[in-house]
Protein backbone atom coordinates (compact mmCIF):
# COMPACT_ATOMS: atom_id res chain seq x y z
CA MET A 1 -9.14 35.67 -1.90
CA SER A 2 -7.48 35.49 -4.57
CA GLU A 3 -6.60 38.66 -6.88
CA HIS A 4 -7.37 36.53 -9.98
CA ASN A 5 -10.86 35.94 -8.72
CA THR A 6 -12.09 39.93 -8.45
CA PHE A 7 -12.46 41.14 -10.90
CA ASP A 8 -9.28 44.13 -11.39
CA ALA A 9 -8.83 47.72 -11.72
CA PRO A 10 -7.03 49.17 -14.14
CA ARG A 11 -3.90 48.86 -14.38
CA ALA A 12 -1.71 51.06 -16.31
CA GLY A 13 -4.87 51.73 -18.92
CA SER A 14 -7.75 49.51 -19.74
CA ARG A 15 -9.38 49.52 -23.15
CA THR A 16 -13.71 49.77 -23.41
CA GLU A 17 -15.43 45.72 -24.93
CA VAL A 18 -18.84 45.28 -25.10
CA ASP A 19 -20.97 42.49 -25.21
CA GLY A 20 -24.83 42.11 -24.60
CA LEU A 21 -25.33 43.28 -21.07
CA GLY A 22 -23.63 46.29 -21.61
CA SER A 23 -19.83 48.32 -21.80
CA ARG A 24 -17.09 47.85 -19.05
CA GLU A 25 -13.26 49.00 -19.37
CA VAL A 26 -11.20 45.66 -19.47
CA PRO A 27 -7.50 46.06 -17.89
CA ILE A 28 -5.56 46.42 -20.80
CA ASP A 29 -3.16 43.94 -19.70
CA ARG A 30 -5.34 41.45 -19.74
CA TYR A 31 -6.03 38.78 -22.53
CA TYR A 32 -9.09 37.94 -21.02
CA GLY A 33 -11.60 40.01 -22.47
CA ILE A 34 -15.26 41.00 -20.63
CA GLN A 35 -17.22 37.89 -20.46
CA THR A 36 -14.51 37.18 -17.48
CA ALA A 37 -14.31 40.00 -16.80
CA ARG A 38 -18.48 40.12 -15.59
CA ALA A 39 -17.03 36.47 -14.19
CA LEU A 40 -14.70 37.63 -11.94
CA GLU A 41 -17.58 39.45 -10.40
CA ASN A 42 -20.30 37.25 -9.94
CA PHE A 43 -18.17 33.96 -8.61
CA PRO A 44 -15.31 35.14 -6.26
CA ILE A 45 -16.21 31.73 -4.26
CA THR A 46 -13.04 29.38 -3.59
CA GLY A 47 -10.00 31.34 -4.52
CA ILE A 48 -8.75 29.33 -7.22
CA PRO A 49 -8.65 30.27 -10.48
CA LEU A 50 -8.76 28.11 -13.43
CA SER A 51 -5.08 28.27 -13.78
CA ALA A 52 -3.93 26.51 -10.89
CA TYR A 53 -5.10 23.42 -13.63
CA PRO A 54 -2.92 23.71 -15.80
CA GLU A 55 -3.59 20.70 -17.51
CA PHE A 56 -7.37 21.42 -18.06
CA VAL A 57 -6.23 24.71 -19.32
CA ASN A 58 -3.99 22.90 -22.22
CA ALA A 59 -6.74 20.93 -22.24
CA LEU A 60 -9.11 23.47 -22.92
CA ALA A 61 -6.65 25.32 -25.46
CA VAL A 62 -5.90 21.75 -27.31
CA VAL A 63 -10.05 22.00 -27.79
CA LYS A 64 -9.43 24.77 -29.37
CA GLN A 65 -6.89 24.18 -31.54
CA SER A 66 -8.58 21.28 -32.89
CA ALA A 67 -11.68 23.00 -33.33
CA ALA A 68 -10.13 25.36 -35.09
CA GLU A 69 -8.28 23.66 -37.68
CA SER A 70 -10.72 20.70 -38.60
CA ASN A 71 -13.65 24.33 -39.01
CA CYS A 72 -10.39 25.77 -41.19
CA GLU A 73 -10.01 22.03 -43.06
CA LEU A 74 -13.80 22.13 -44.02
CA GLY A 75 -12.98 26.67 -45.23
CA LEU A 76 -15.50 27.86 -42.62
CA LEU A 77 -12.72 29.70 -40.86
CA ASP A 78 -9.78 31.22 -43.55
CA ASP A 79 -6.15 30.14 -43.50
CA ARG A 80 -5.02 33.11 -41.43
CA ARG A 81 -7.27 32.56 -38.39
CA ALA A 82 -7.30 29.56 -38.28
CA GLN A 83 -2.68 29.45 -38.02
CA ALA A 84 -3.52 31.87 -35.30
CA ILE A 85 -5.51 30.81 -33.18
CA SER A 86 -3.73 27.14 -33.23
CA GLU A 87 -0.25 29.26 -32.74
CA ALA A 88 -1.74 30.91 -29.81
CA CYS A 89 -2.76 27.59 -28.56
CA SER A 90 0.11 25.51 -28.90
CA GLU A 91 1.59 28.33 -26.51
CA ILE A 92 -0.46 28.10 -23.65
CA ARG A 93 -0.60 24.15 -23.95
CA ALA A 94 2.97 25.00 -23.87
CA GLY A 95 2.12 26.66 -20.25
CA ARG A 96 2.05 30.17 -21.52
CA TRP A 97 -1.01 33.38 -20.66
CA HIS A 98 -1.76 30.12 -18.05
CA GLU A 99 -1.87 33.46 -15.62
CA HIS A 100 -5.41 34.74 -17.78
CA PHE A 101 -7.77 31.69 -17.53
CA ALA A 102 -9.11 33.57 -13.92
CA VAL A 103 -12.02 32.54 -13.42
CA ASP A 104 -13.30 30.72 -10.91
CA VAL A 105 -13.69 26.70 -10.68
CA ILE A 106 -16.32 27.09 -9.22
CA GLN A 107 -19.12 28.78 -11.58
CA GLY A 108 -23.10 29.29 -12.57
CA GLY A 109 -23.43 28.32 -15.93
CA ALA A 110 -22.41 24.70 -16.80
CA GLY A 111 -18.52 26.09 -16.96
CA THR A 112 -19.73 28.60 -19.58
CA SER A 113 -17.36 31.27 -17.60
CA SER A 114 -14.41 28.84 -17.96
CA ASN A 115 -14.98 28.28 -22.40
CA MET A 116 -16.14 32.48 -22.46
CA ASN A 117 -12.15 33.08 -21.02
CA ALA A 118 -10.63 30.31 -23.43
CA ASN A 119 -12.37 32.15 -26.32
CA GLU A 120 -11.03 35.44 -25.22
CA VAL A 121 -7.36 34.18 -24.30
CA VAL A 122 -7.05 32.70 -27.23
CA ALA A 123 -7.91 35.74 -29.41
CA ASN A 124 -7.07 38.53 -27.57
CA ARG A 125 -3.57 36.35 -28.43
CA ALA A 126 -4.03 35.65 -31.97
CA LEU A 127 -5.13 39.17 -32.62
CA GLU A 128 -1.50 39.77 -31.03
CA LEU A 129 -0.23 37.52 -33.17
CA LEU A 130 -1.81 38.51 -36.25
CA GLY A 131 -0.09 42.23 -36.03
CA PHE A 132 -3.41 43.64 -34.49
CA GLN A 133 -4.68 44.97 -30.79
CA ARG A 134 -6.53 43.10 -27.84
CA GLY A 135 -9.45 43.68 -28.35
CA ASP A 136 -9.97 44.60 -31.94
CA TYR A 137 -12.67 42.19 -32.17
CA THR A 138 -13.13 43.00 -36.11
CA GLU A 139 -10.21 40.95 -36.46
CA LEU A 140 -11.02 37.81 -34.70
CA HIS A 141 -13.49 37.24 -31.83
CA PRO A 142 -12.99 34.95 -29.22
CA LEU A 143 -17.36 33.32 -30.47
CA GLU A 144 -17.50 33.74 -33.81
CA HIS A 145 -13.74 32.62 -34.78
CA VAL A 146 -12.23 30.91 -31.63
CA ASN A 147 -16.01 29.30 -30.76
CA LEU A 148 -16.90 28.60 -34.04
CA GLY A 149 -18.68 25.07 -34.62
CA GLN A 150 -18.65 25.35 -30.50
CA SER A 151 -20.91 25.17 -26.33
CA THR A 152 -19.55 25.68 -23.90
CA ASN A 153 -21.46 22.40 -23.50
CA ASP A 154 -19.84 19.68 -25.34
CA VAL A 155 -16.37 22.29 -25.32
CA TYR A 156 -15.88 21.99 -21.14
CA PRO A 157 -16.91 18.41 -20.88
CA THR A 158 -14.72 17.62 -23.37
CA ALA A 159 -11.77 19.65 -22.16
CA ILE A 160 -12.45 18.05 -18.85
CA LYS A 161 -12.12 14.53 -19.91
CA ILE A 162 -9.02 14.74 -21.34
CA ALA A 163 -7.05 16.53 -18.11
CA LEU A 164 -8.33 13.67 -16.65
CA GLN A 165 -6.70 11.60 -19.02
CA VAL A 166 -3.23 13.47 -18.38
CA TYR A 167 -3.65 13.96 -14.04
CA LEU A 168 -4.94 9.89 -13.94
CA THR A 169 -1.80 8.53 -15.69
CA ARG A 170 0.18 10.77 -13.42
CA LEU A 171 -1.95 9.18 -10.31
CA HIS A 172 -0.62 5.18 -11.70
CA THR A 173 2.20 5.43 -12.15
CA THR A 174 2.63 7.38 -8.38
CA LEU A 175 0.34 4.23 -7.27
CA LEU A 176 2.46 2.11 -9.05
CA ASP A 177 5.36 3.67 -7.66
CA VAL A 178 4.21 3.06 -3.49
CA ALA A 179 3.78 -0.65 -4.35
CA ASP A 180 6.36 -1.13 -5.40
CA GLY A 181 7.67 0.35 -2.39
CA PHE A 182 5.78 -1.90 -0.71
CA ALA A 183 7.48 -4.91 -2.41
CA LEU A 184 10.95 -4.07 -2.05
CA LYS A 185 10.04 -4.55 1.72
CA ALA A 186 7.86 -6.93 1.80
CA GLU A 187 10.57 -9.14 0.09
CA GLU A 188 13.30 -7.27 3.10
CA PHE A 189 10.99 -8.66 5.73
CA ARG A 190 10.45 -12.02 4.16
CA ASP A 191 11.49 -13.92 6.90
CA ILE A 192 10.52 -12.39 9.75
CA LEU A 193 8.12 -14.12 11.42
CA LYS A 194 5.33 -12.36 13.54
CA MET A 195 1.80 -12.62 14.68
CA GLY A 196 -1.48 -12.14 12.35
CA ARG A 197 -4.38 -10.61 14.49
CA THR A 198 -8.13 -10.44 13.51
CA GLN A 199 -10.16 -7.67 15.12
CA LEU A 200 -7.03 -6.43 16.57
CA GLN A 201 -6.58 -10.01 18.42
CA ASP A 202 -4.23 -12.82 17.89
CA ALA A 203 -5.11 -14.90 15.21
CA VAL A 204 -1.91 -17.28 13.93
CA PRO A 205 1.29 -16.47 12.83
CA MET A 206 2.48 -15.05 9.43
CA THR A 207 5.62 -12.92 8.12
CA LEU A 208 5.54 -9.65 7.63
CA GLY A 209 6.77 -9.41 4.75
CA GLN A 210 3.09 -11.25 4.21
CA GLU A 211 2.02 -7.90 5.29
CA PHE A 212 4.10 -5.78 3.36
CA GLY A 213 3.61 -8.01 -0.37
CA THR A 214 -0.02 -7.60 1.09
CA TYR A 215 -0.21 -3.99 0.70
CA ALA A 216 1.52 -4.08 -2.30
CA VAL A 217 -1.08 -5.98 -3.74
CA MET A 218 -3.65 -4.02 -3.08
CA VAL A 219 -2.82 -0.56 -4.42
CA ARG A 220 -1.33 -2.59 -7.80
CA GLU A 221 -4.88 -3.75 -8.44
CA ASP A 222 -6.23 0.17 -8.11
CA ALA A 223 -4.11 0.92 -10.33
CA ASP A 224 -5.23 -1.46 -13.03
CA ARG A 225 -9.16 -0.17 -11.91
CA LEU A 226 -7.79 3.16 -12.71
CA LEU A 227 -6.58 2.88 -16.23
CA GLU A 228 -10.47 0.72 -16.41
CA ALA A 229 -12.12 4.28 -15.21
CA ALA A 230 -9.97 6.18 -17.36
CA GLN A 231 -11.19 4.56 -20.75
CA LEU A 232 -14.76 5.96 -19.23
CA VAL A 233 -13.74 9.89 -19.95
CA SER A 234 -11.74 9.16 -23.07
CA GLU A 235 -15.91 8.90 -25.16
CA ILE A 236 -16.36 12.50 -25.54
CA ASN A 237 -19.55 15.07 -26.58
CA LEU A 238 -17.00 17.12 -28.82
CA GLY A 239 -19.66 18.70 -32.13
CA GLY A 240 -22.76 18.30 -30.27
CA THR A 241 -23.18 21.88 -29.20
CA ALA A 242 -26.10 22.91 -27.09
CA ILE A 243 -27.52 19.19 -25.98
CA GLY A 244 -26.43 16.93 -28.78
CA THR A 245 -27.98 18.17 -31.98
CA GLY A 246 -24.68 19.45 -33.72
CA LEU A 247 -26.81 22.73 -34.71
CA ASN A 248 -24.51 24.89 -36.54
CA THR A 249 -21.51 22.41 -36.60
CA HIS A 250 -20.93 20.93 -41.05
CA PRO A 251 -22.05 17.46 -40.91
CA ARG A 252 -18.47 15.77 -40.96
CA TYR A 253 -17.07 18.04 -37.94
CA ALA A 254 -18.20 16.01 -35.05
CA GLY A 255 -15.38 12.82 -36.72
CA LEU A 256 -12.39 14.99 -37.62
CA VAL A 257 -12.42 17.41 -34.23
CA CYS A 258 -11.59 14.13 -32.24
CA GLN A 259 -8.97 12.98 -35.12
CA ARG A 260 -7.52 16.20 -34.59
CA LEU A 261 -8.01 15.74 -30.42
CA ARG A 262 -6.33 12.52 -30.90
CA ALA A 263 -3.46 13.80 -33.75
CA LEU A 264 -2.26 16.48 -31.30
CA THR A 265 -2.91 14.99 -27.50
CA GLY A 266 -2.24 11.12 -28.35
CA LEU A 267 -5.31 9.91 -26.37
CA GLU A 268 -6.99 7.47 -27.41
CA LEU A 269 -10.27 9.66 -27.46
CA SER A 270 -13.85 8.48 -29.94
CA THR A 271 -16.17 10.57 -30.13
CA ALA A 272 -20.36 9.01 -28.11
CA THR A 273 -22.28 7.60 -30.62
CA ASP A 274 -25.41 9.64 -29.42
CA LEU A 275 -24.02 12.80 -28.64
CA VAL A 276 -27.10 14.07 -26.68
CA GLU A 277 -27.33 11.54 -24.02
CA ALA A 278 -23.90 12.27 -23.87
CA THR A 279 -23.53 15.41 -23.14
CA GLN A 280 -26.43 15.77 -20.61
CA ASP A 281 -24.95 12.06 -18.79
CA VAL A 282 -22.04 12.50 -16.10
CA GLY A 283 -21.92 9.03 -15.76
CA ALA A 284 -18.28 7.85 -16.15
CA PHE A 285 -17.56 11.25 -13.13
CA VAL A 286 -19.14 9.40 -10.55
CA GLN A 287 -17.73 6.27 -11.28
CA LEU A 288 -14.20 7.97 -12.11
CA SER A 289 -15.55 9.80 -8.24
CA GLY A 290 -15.85 5.90 -7.08
CA VAL A 291 -12.28 4.69 -8.22
CA LEU A 292 -10.96 7.46 -6.15
CA LYS A 293 -12.89 6.51 -2.84
CA ARG A 294 -12.08 3.31 -3.16
CA THR A 295 -8.08 3.84 -3.97
CA ALA A 296 -8.50 6.52 -1.60
CA LEU A 297 -9.56 4.17 1.64
CA LYS A 298 -7.40 1.22 1.36
CA LEU A 299 -4.80 3.53 1.33
CA SER A 300 -6.39 5.36 4.76
CA LYS A 301 -6.48 1.72 6.16
CA ILE A 302 -2.80 0.29 5.21
CA CYS A 303 -1.95 3.73 7.58
CA ASN A 304 -4.71 2.78 10.18
CA ASP A 305 -1.75 -0.54 9.74
CA LEU A 306 1.36 1.53 9.20
CA ARG A 307 0.78 4.07 12.34
CA LEU A 308 -0.98 0.77 14.65
CA LEU A 309 2.59 -1.27 14.37
CA SER A 310 4.50 1.16 14.53
CA SER A 311 2.50 2.50 18.11
CA GLY A 312 4.53 3.21 21.07
CA PRO A 313 7.65 2.96 21.08
CA ARG A 314 7.38 0.75 24.65
CA ALA A 315 3.53 1.29 25.14
CA GLY A 316 2.47 -0.08 21.58
CA LEU A 317 3.01 -2.59 19.37
CA ASN A 318 6.09 -1.71 18.29
CA GLU A 319 6.61 -3.83 15.32
CA ILE A 320 7.84 -1.98 12.33
CA ASN A 321 9.36 1.88 13.77
CA LEU A 322 8.09 5.06 10.72
CA PRO A 323 10.71 6.73 9.19
CA ALA A 324 11.54 9.91 12.39
CA VAL A 325 10.70 13.90 9.76
CA GLN A 326 9.88 15.55 12.19
CA ALA A 327 9.06 16.28 16.51
CA GLY A 328 6.46 15.07 17.54
CA SER A 329 4.68 17.07 20.18
CA SER A 330 5.09 21.39 21.04
CA ILE A 331 4.88 20.06 25.71
CA MET A 332 6.21 16.75 25.16
CA PRO A 333 10.08 15.70 24.54
CA GLY A 334 11.24 13.31 21.37
CA LYS A 335 7.34 12.16 20.95
CA VAL A 336 8.31 11.34 17.18
CA ASN A 337 4.15 10.78 15.17
CA PRO A 338 3.26 9.09 12.09
CA VAL A 339 2.62 11.66 10.28
CA ILE A 340 2.49 11.13 7.14
CA PRO A 341 0.75 8.17 7.72
CA GLU A 342 -1.69 10.77 8.99
CA ALA A 343 -1.54 12.95 5.91
CA VAL A 344 -2.32 9.98 3.94
CA ASN A 345 -5.65 10.00 6.47
CA GLN A 346 -6.87 13.09 5.63
CA VAL A 347 -7.02 12.62 2.02
CA ALA A 348 -8.48 9.84 2.40
CA PHE A 349 -11.66 11.74 3.73
CA GLU A 350 -11.42 14.58 1.36
CA VAL A 351 -11.82 12.16 -1.79
CA VAL A 352 -14.96 10.63 1.11
CA GLY A 353 -16.26 13.43 0.41
CA ASN A 354 -15.52 15.06 -3.32
CA ASP A 355 -17.51 11.70 -3.86
CA VAL A 356 -20.31 12.65 -2.26
CA THR A 357 -20.39 16.07 -4.17
CA ILE A 358 -20.14 14.40 -7.23
CA SER A 359 -22.87 12.06 -6.39
CA LEU A 360 -25.40 15.00 -5.34
CA ALA A 361 -24.07 17.42 -8.55
CA ALA A 362 -24.38 14.26 -11.46
CA GLU A 363 -28.30 14.06 -9.78
CA GLY A 364 -28.76 17.31 -9.69
CA GLY A 365 -28.96 16.92 -13.50
CA GLN A 366 -32.42 18.57 -15.45
CA LEU A 367 -33.06 17.36 -18.71
CA GLN A 368 -30.54 18.13 -21.92
CA LEU A 369 -27.37 19.14 -19.26
CA ASN A 370 -26.02 19.55 -16.19
CA ALA A 371 -25.51 22.37 -14.72
CA PHE A 372 -22.98 21.42 -12.02
CA GLU A 373 -19.93 20.22 -14.18
CA PRO A 374 -17.72 22.94 -12.66
CA ILE A 375 -18.19 21.64 -8.69
CA ILE A 376 -17.87 17.77 -10.21
CA ALA A 377 -14.84 18.64 -12.11
CA HIS A 378 -13.06 20.74 -9.59
CA SER A 379 -13.30 17.43 -7.40
CA LEU A 380 -12.38 15.52 -9.62
CA PHE A 381 -9.65 17.34 -9.89
CA THR A 382 -8.42 17.95 -6.35
CA SER A 383 -9.56 14.41 -5.54
CA ILE A 384 -7.05 13.26 -7.80
CA ASP A 385 -4.01 15.34 -6.96
CA HIS A 386 -4.19 15.26 -3.47
CA LEU A 387 -3.95 11.56 -4.56
CA ASP A 388 -0.67 12.16 -5.97
CA ASN A 389 0.19 14.42 -3.76
CA VAL A 390 0.13 12.68 -0.75
CA CYS A 391 0.89 9.02 -2.28
CA ARG A 392 4.27 10.16 -3.21
CA THR A 393 4.69 11.38 -0.12
CA LEU A 394 4.14 8.73 1.63
CA VAL A 395 6.33 6.62 -0.09
CA ASP A 396 9.17 8.60 -0.32
CA ARG A 397 8.81 9.70 3.05
CA CYS A 398 7.84 7.39 4.97
CA VAL A 399 7.23 3.53 3.39
CA VAL A 400 11.25 3.42 2.38
CA GLY A 401 12.27 4.37 5.35
CA ILE A 402 10.44 2.04 7.90
CA THR A 403 12.41 -1.12 9.73
CA ALA A 404 11.17 -3.71 11.63
CA ASN A 405 12.09 -4.31 15.54
CA GLU A 406 12.82 -8.55 14.63
CA GLU A 407 13.15 -8.69 18.08
CA THR A 408 9.82 -7.87 19.41
CA LEU A 409 8.04 -10.17 16.96
CA ARG A 410 10.01 -12.40 17.41
CA ASP A 411 9.12 -12.04 21.14
CA SER A 412 5.63 -12.24 20.63
CA VAL A 413 5.12 -15.37 18.26
CA ALA A 414 6.65 -16.97 20.61
CA ASN A 415 4.78 -16.81 23.60
CA SER A 416 1.34 -16.30 21.82
CA ILE A 417 -1.58 -18.10 22.55
CA GLY A 418 -2.34 -17.96 18.84
CA VAL A 419 0.70 -21.41 18.29
CA ILE A 420 -2.16 -23.73 19.45
CA THR A 421 -3.98 -23.41 15.64
CA ALA A 422 -1.45 -25.45 14.49
CA LEU A 423 -2.10 -28.36 16.82
CA ASN A 424 -6.01 -28.57 16.35
CA PRO A 425 -5.76 -30.59 12.98
CA TYR A 426 -3.61 -33.15 16.05
CA ILE A 427 -4.78 -32.59 19.38
CA GLY A 428 -8.00 -31.85 18.38
CA TYR A 429 -10.27 -28.27 18.65
CA ALA A 430 -11.81 -29.36 22.31
CA ALA A 431 -7.46 -30.09 23.63
CA SER A 432 -6.55 -26.86 22.37
CA ALA A 433 -8.94 -24.88 23.50
CA ARG A 434 -8.10 -26.03 27.14
CA ILE A 435 -4.64 -25.86 26.09
CA ALA A 436 -4.79 -22.59 25.25
CA LYS A 437 -6.68 -21.01 27.99
CA GLN A 438 -3.95 -22.86 30.54
CA ALA A 439 -1.31 -21.44 28.79
CA LEU A 440 -2.71 -17.27 28.65
CA ALA A 441 -3.95 -18.16 33.18
CA SER A 442 -0.74 -19.01 33.44
CA GLY A 443 1.97 -17.65 31.37
CA SER A 444 3.18 -21.18 30.16
CA SER A 445 4.24 -21.84 26.85
CA ILE A 446 2.03 -24.26 24.43
CA LEU A 447 4.38 -25.59 23.19
CA ASP A 448 5.67 -27.03 27.49
CA LEU A 449 1.81 -26.88 28.02
CA VAL A 450 1.03 -29.80 24.62
CA VAL A 451 3.74 -32.03 26.27
CA SER A 452 3.40 -32.01 29.61
CA GLU A 453 0.33 -33.42 29.22
CA GLY A 454 1.82 -36.83 27.13
CA LEU A 455 -0.57 -34.92 23.93
CA LEU A 456 2.74 -34.55 21.45
CA THR A 457 6.10 -35.09 21.57
CA ARG A 458 8.57 -31.92 22.05
CA GLY A 459 10.13 -32.86 18.49
CA ASP A 460 6.20 -33.37 16.54
CA VAL A 461 5.48 -29.58 17.90
CA ALA A 462 8.99 -28.19 17.16
CA GLU A 463 8.01 -29.81 13.97
CA MET A 464 4.56 -28.40 13.79
CA LEU A 465 6.34 -24.88 14.59
CA ARG A 466 8.29 -24.03 13.17
CA PRO A 467 8.03 -21.08 10.61
CA GLU A 468 7.37 -22.23 7.50
CA ALA A 469 5.11 -24.60 8.18
CA LEU A 470 2.91 -21.82 10.31
CA ILE A 471 3.04 -19.64 6.63
CA THR A 472 1.73 -21.83 4.21
CA PRO A 473 -0.84 -24.73 3.68
CA ARG A 474 0.96 -28.51 4.53
CA ASP A 475 0.20 -31.66 4.46
CA LEU A 476 -0.43 -32.59 8.00
CA ILE A 477 3.45 -35.20 9.15
CA ASP A 478 2.80 -38.39 10.40
CA ILE A 479 2.14 -38.40 14.20
CA THR A 480 1.28 -42.06 14.51
CA SER A 481 5.12 -42.85 16.01
CA SER A 482 5.04 -40.49 18.11
CA THR A 483 1.62 -40.80 19.24
CA GLN A 484 2.66 -44.53 20.10
CA GLU A 485 5.76 -43.75 22.29
CA LEU A 486 4.04 -41.22 24.29
CA GLU A 487 1.00 -44.10 24.79
CA ASN A 488 4.08 -47.27 25.46
CA LYS A 489 5.22 -44.52 27.98
CA SER A 490 2.05 -44.16 29.93
């Protein structure tokens, strides 16, 4: 269990803080305060602190910064305190003090511990900037000043959505890189003919380039869907406070704080039309999770294909070679496994599980608030982060190094029964089925059997089975003269 998720014994002294439950000692070297200390005791759940998601910590900070600057403009917070709060938040957004965001990512209270953790860190750092000691809340208070005009119920989901925008932009870029990697392979393999398969049985010819080009399209499509889902999490409820009614805020606050957020983040955020609805509805998170699941499943399917196509090397398909990145067995010398695709598969399984968790958490909401946003946030952040990491690994450690076994692919087409499909329009389905059966039983080639039975000339069959004629739509060739020639010979 992480040390971040247990209450630390005082080190090098302590300070006494007081809340509604009483008083307690807080380590003097911590920027957090009593509320965070209690949360560390209450929620030793995952061992994963908020600091594990730096973009979420930054998002909490930018919400606090926007609120302070807005309240200052509205005359509700004096310039001196507002400037100190804003400066403290800027430092956090620059990567400082993240280790003090220590509460567990899974917590009761709909994210209250996370909001309190942020309030205390910002307040204590702002106090230092003003020349006071940490914990001197008579000068600047975590709730009275840092949390002014706010509630966990509008701060926490707003911060989640801001962080998601950053994480999704990163994942979108990575997915495009994966798509580009497959597209480059599609170009490299564009002239390599192979057999396509349906239900793991020989179907009709295609090129290896077409196969890899499909993967590029699949991934690029999901990158586009990801951007669409990101738009759904750009609507925020900041300014709604406890249940969306805006209690204890200035009439102009909600609009002003959204403007500040847009200016500070560069994101196209908007205030929800109905803040009461937005405070309780987590449908956008469910939608996003569904898109992540779709992406993960399609990536997993692609990696299943890579594992099949590279199976062997002598007792499998052996059509492609995946880069050998590590030894595959502690007992079988020379064995190399498709470990990178297997890693993608496992992340996909995790994303599907996270989607189920998010679905149940969304359904579990009651009345004016969903209390389970911490597990929703943790599940979404984990899915996106792991997908981003494993996709980067897929393209860098696997896709770029894939090579084709051209001889194996060429032989599979030459010996395939599936090419008979191309002759259907000329000799009919019944004759094609009979020839296919004979070829399978005798080991003879389709071309030889068709010619030997006098159904087509060797020249016509060769024309019909040209690689370029097999992989694209085409007009039927004129075989009238050849057919007449065969009839005259008979």
